[in-house]
Amino acid sequence: MINAEKEVYGEGLDVNYLHPYMWICKSHYYSAEESLYNFPYTFGLLFAKGLYAMYVKHGNEFVENYDKLLEITGKNNILEITKTIRYRY
């Protein structure tokens, strides 16, 4: 676990606070049956990858739309939030 934390977080974590048994404390890390708990992680990953793909394709034009998206995040539901990014593929 310590090696995994170092690999993922690099110098972002204080080495005095690395947790060798974090996987025990966080059962959702390995509980595929707990889809309700894991859904936000999966959705967030896929949404972020989709946003990045749009940025790669549209470059600086995307940044304006992304700024609008960030402004309404936390204020609107996901359907309304995703409507702020308007591109066709």
C-alpha atoms as a PDB file:
ATOM      1  CA  MET A   1       0.000   0.000   0.000  1.00  0.00           C
ATOM      2  CA  ILE A   2       2.821   2.388   0.843  1.00  0.00           C
ATOM      3  CA  ASN A   3       4.376   1.850  -2.598  1.00  0.00           C
ATOM      4  CA  ALA A   4       1.014   2.391  -4.294  1.00  0.00           C
ATOM      5  CA  GLU A   5       0.435   5.635  -2.364  1.00  0.00           C
ATOM      6  CA  LYS A   6       3.906   6.900  -3.272  1.00  0.00           C
ATOM      7  CA  GLU A   7       3.370   6.000  -6.922  1.00  0.00           C
ATOM      8  CA  VAL A   8      -0.016   7.694  -7.128  1.00  0.00           C
ATOM      9  CA  TYR A   9       0.560  10.766  -4.967  1.00  0.00           C
ATOM     10  CA  GLY A  10       4.306  11.277  -5.402  1.00  0.00           C
ATOM     11  CA  GLU A  11       5.473  14.065  -3.142  1.00  0.00           C
ATOM     12  CA  GLY A  12       1.882  15.190  -2.585  1.00  0.00           C
ATOM     13  CA  LEU A  13       1.600  13.259   0.687  1.00  0.00           C
ATOM     14  CA  ASP A  14       3.719  13.624   3.779  1.00  0.00           C
ATOM     15  CA  VAL A  15       5.606  10.320   4.116  1.00  0.00           C
ATOM     16  CA  ASN A  16       4.875  10.360   7.852  1.00  0.00           C
ATOM     17  CA  TYR A  17       1.180   9.914   7.074  1.00  0.00           C
ATOM     18  CA  LEU A  18       1.275   7.099   4.518  1.00  0.00           C
ATOM     19  CA  HIS A  19      -1.050   4.321   5.605  1.00  0.00           C
ATOM     20  CA  PRO A  20       0.135   0.719   5.071  1.00  0.00           C
ATOM     21  CA  TYR A  21      -3.353  -0.696   5.693  1.00  0.00           C
ATOM     22  CA  MET A  22      -5.461   1.869   3.819  1.00  0.00           C
ATOM     23  CA  TRP A  23      -6.957  -0.901   1.695  1.00  0.00           C
ATOM     24  CA  ILE A  24      -8.476  -2.457   4.837  1.00  0.00           C
ATOM     25  CA  CYS A  25     -10.072   0.824   5.923  1.00  0.00           C
ATOM     26  CA  LYS A  26     -11.547   1.450   2.468  1.00  0.00           C
ATOM     27  CA  SER A  27     -13.395  -1.711   1.541  1.00  0.00           C
ATOM     28  CA  HIS A  28     -14.945  -0.041  -1.506  1.00  0.00           C
ATOM     29  CA  TYR A  29     -11.501  -0.193  -3.157  1.00  0.00           C
ATOM     30  CA  TYR A  30     -12.029  -3.889  -3.784  1.00  0.00           C
ATOM     31  CA  SER A  31     -15.803  -4.391  -3.490  1.00  0.00           C
ATOM     32  CA  ALA A  32     -17.081  -4.511  -7.053  1.00  0.00           C
ATOM     33  CA  GLU A  33     -20.535  -5.426  -5.729  1.00  0.00           C
ATOM     34  CA  GLU A  34     -20.843  -1.977  -4.150  1.00  0.00           C
ATOM     35  CA  SER A  35     -21.673  -0.220  -7.411  1.00  0.00           C
ATOM     36  CA  LEU A  36     -23.587   2.567  -5.668  1.00  0.00           C
ATOM     37  CA  TYR A  37     -20.452   3.648  -3.871  1.00  0.00           C
ATOM     38  CA  ASN A  38     -18.145   3.169  -6.861  1.00  0.00           C
ATOM     39  CA  PHE A  39     -20.439   4.848  -9.407  1.00  0.00           C
ATOM     40  CA  PRO A  40     -19.244   8.418  -8.673  1.00  0.00           C
ATOM     41  CA  TYR A  41     -15.625   7.386  -9.220  1.00  0.00           C
ATOM     42  CA  THR A  42     -16.456   5.677 -12.509  1.00  0.00           C
ATOM     43  CA  PHE A  43     -18.667   8.509 -13.694  1.00  0.00           C
ATOM     44  CA  GLY A  44     -16.062  11.117 -12.747  1.00  0.00           C
ATOM     45  CA  LEU A  45     -13.312   9.243 -14.565  1.00  0.00           C
ATOM     46  CA  LEU A  46     -15.353   8.834 -17.745  1.00  0.00           C
ATOM     47  CA  PHE A  47     -16.624  12.433 -17.641  1.00  0.00           C
ATOM     48  CA  ALA A  48     -13.072  13.765 -17.181  1.00  0.00           C
ATOM     49  CA  LYS A  49     -11.780  11.622 -20.042  1.00  0.00           C
ATOM     50  CA  GLY A  50     -14.580  12.930 -22.264  1.00  0.00           C
ATOM     51  CA  LEU A  51     -13.753  16.516 -21.355  1.00  0.00           C
ATOM     52  CA  TYR A  52     -10.088  15.931 -22.097  1.00  0.00           C
ATOM     53  CA  ALA A  53     -10.946  14.410 -25.488  1.00  0.00           C
ATOM     54  CA  MET A  54     -12.924  17.551 -26.289  1.00  0.00           C
ATOM     55  CA  TYR A  55      -9.987  19.712 -25.275  1.00  0.00           C
ATOM     56  CA  VAL A  56      -7.612  17.702 -27.482  1.00  0.00           C
ATOM     57  CA  LYS A  57      -9.958  18.061 -30.431  1.00  0.00           C
ATOM     58  CA  HIS A  58     -10.980  21.721 -29.970  1.00  0.00           C
ATOM     59  CA  GLY A  59      -8.025  23.264 -28.122  1.00  0.00           C
ATOM     60  CA  ASN A  60      -8.420  26.788 -26.793  1.00  0.00           C
ATOM     61  CA  GLU A  61     -11.993  27.010 -28.070  1.00  0.00           C
ATOM     62  CA  PHE A  62     -12.841  24.354 -25.485  1.00  0.00           C
ATOM     63  CA  VAL A  63     -11.407  26.374 -22.580  1.00  0.00           C
ATOM     64  CA  GLU A  64     -14.213  28.969 -22.709  1.00  0.00           C
ATOM     65  CA  ASN A  65     -16.847  26.256 -22.521  1.00  0.00           C
ATOM     66  CA  TYR A  66     -14.946  24.505 -19.760  1.00  0.00           C
ATOM     67  CA  ASP A  67     -14.871  27.708 -17.705  1.00  0.00           C
ATOM     68  CA  LYS A  68     -18.668  27.930 -18.067  1.00  0.00           C
ATOM     69  CA  LEU A  69     -18.972  24.308 -16.962  1.00  0.00           C
ATOM     70  CA  LEU A  70     -16.893  24.980 -13.849  1.00  0.00           C
ATOM     71  CA  GLU A  71     -19.044  28.004 -12.955  1.00  0.00           C
ATOM     72  CA  ILE A  72     -22.204  25.920 -12.737  1.00  0.00           C
ATOM     73  CA  THR A  73     -20.724  22.772 -11.216  1.00  0.00           C
ATOM     74  CA  GLY A  74     -22.299  22.310  -7.796  1.00  0.00           C
ATOM     75  CA  LYS A  75     -25.239  24.558  -8.716  1.00  0.00           C
ATOM     76  CA  ASN A  76     -26.970  22.436 -11.339  1.00  0.00           C
ATOM     77  CA  ASN A  77     -27.719  18.783 -11.958  1.00  0.00           C
ATOM     78  CA  ILE A  78     -25.456  16.768 -14.243  1.00  0.00           C
ATOM     79  CA  LEU A  79     -27.819  17.007 -17.222  1.00  0.00           C
ATOM     80  CA  GLU A  80     -27.713  20.807 -17.118  1.00  0.00           C
ATOM     81  CA  ILE A  81     -23.978  20.836 -16.516  1.00  0.00           C
ATOM     82  CA  THR A  82     -23.230  18.647 -19.535  1.00  0.00           C
ATOM     83  CA  LYS A  83     -25.352  20.890 -21.779  1.00  0.00           C
ATOM     84  CA  THR A  84     -22.812  23.700 -21.330  1.00  0.00           C
ATOM     85  CA  ILE A  85     -20.293  21.820 -23.480  1.00  0.00           C
ATOM     86  CA  ARG A  86     -21.721  21.944 -26.987  1.00  0.00           C
ATOM     87  CA  TYR A  87     -19.773  20.029 -29.592  1.00  0.00           C
ATOM     88  CA  ARG A  88     -20.725  17.486 -32.193  1.00  0.00           C
ATOM     89  CA  TYR A  89     -18.622  14.457 -33.009  1.00  0.00           C
END
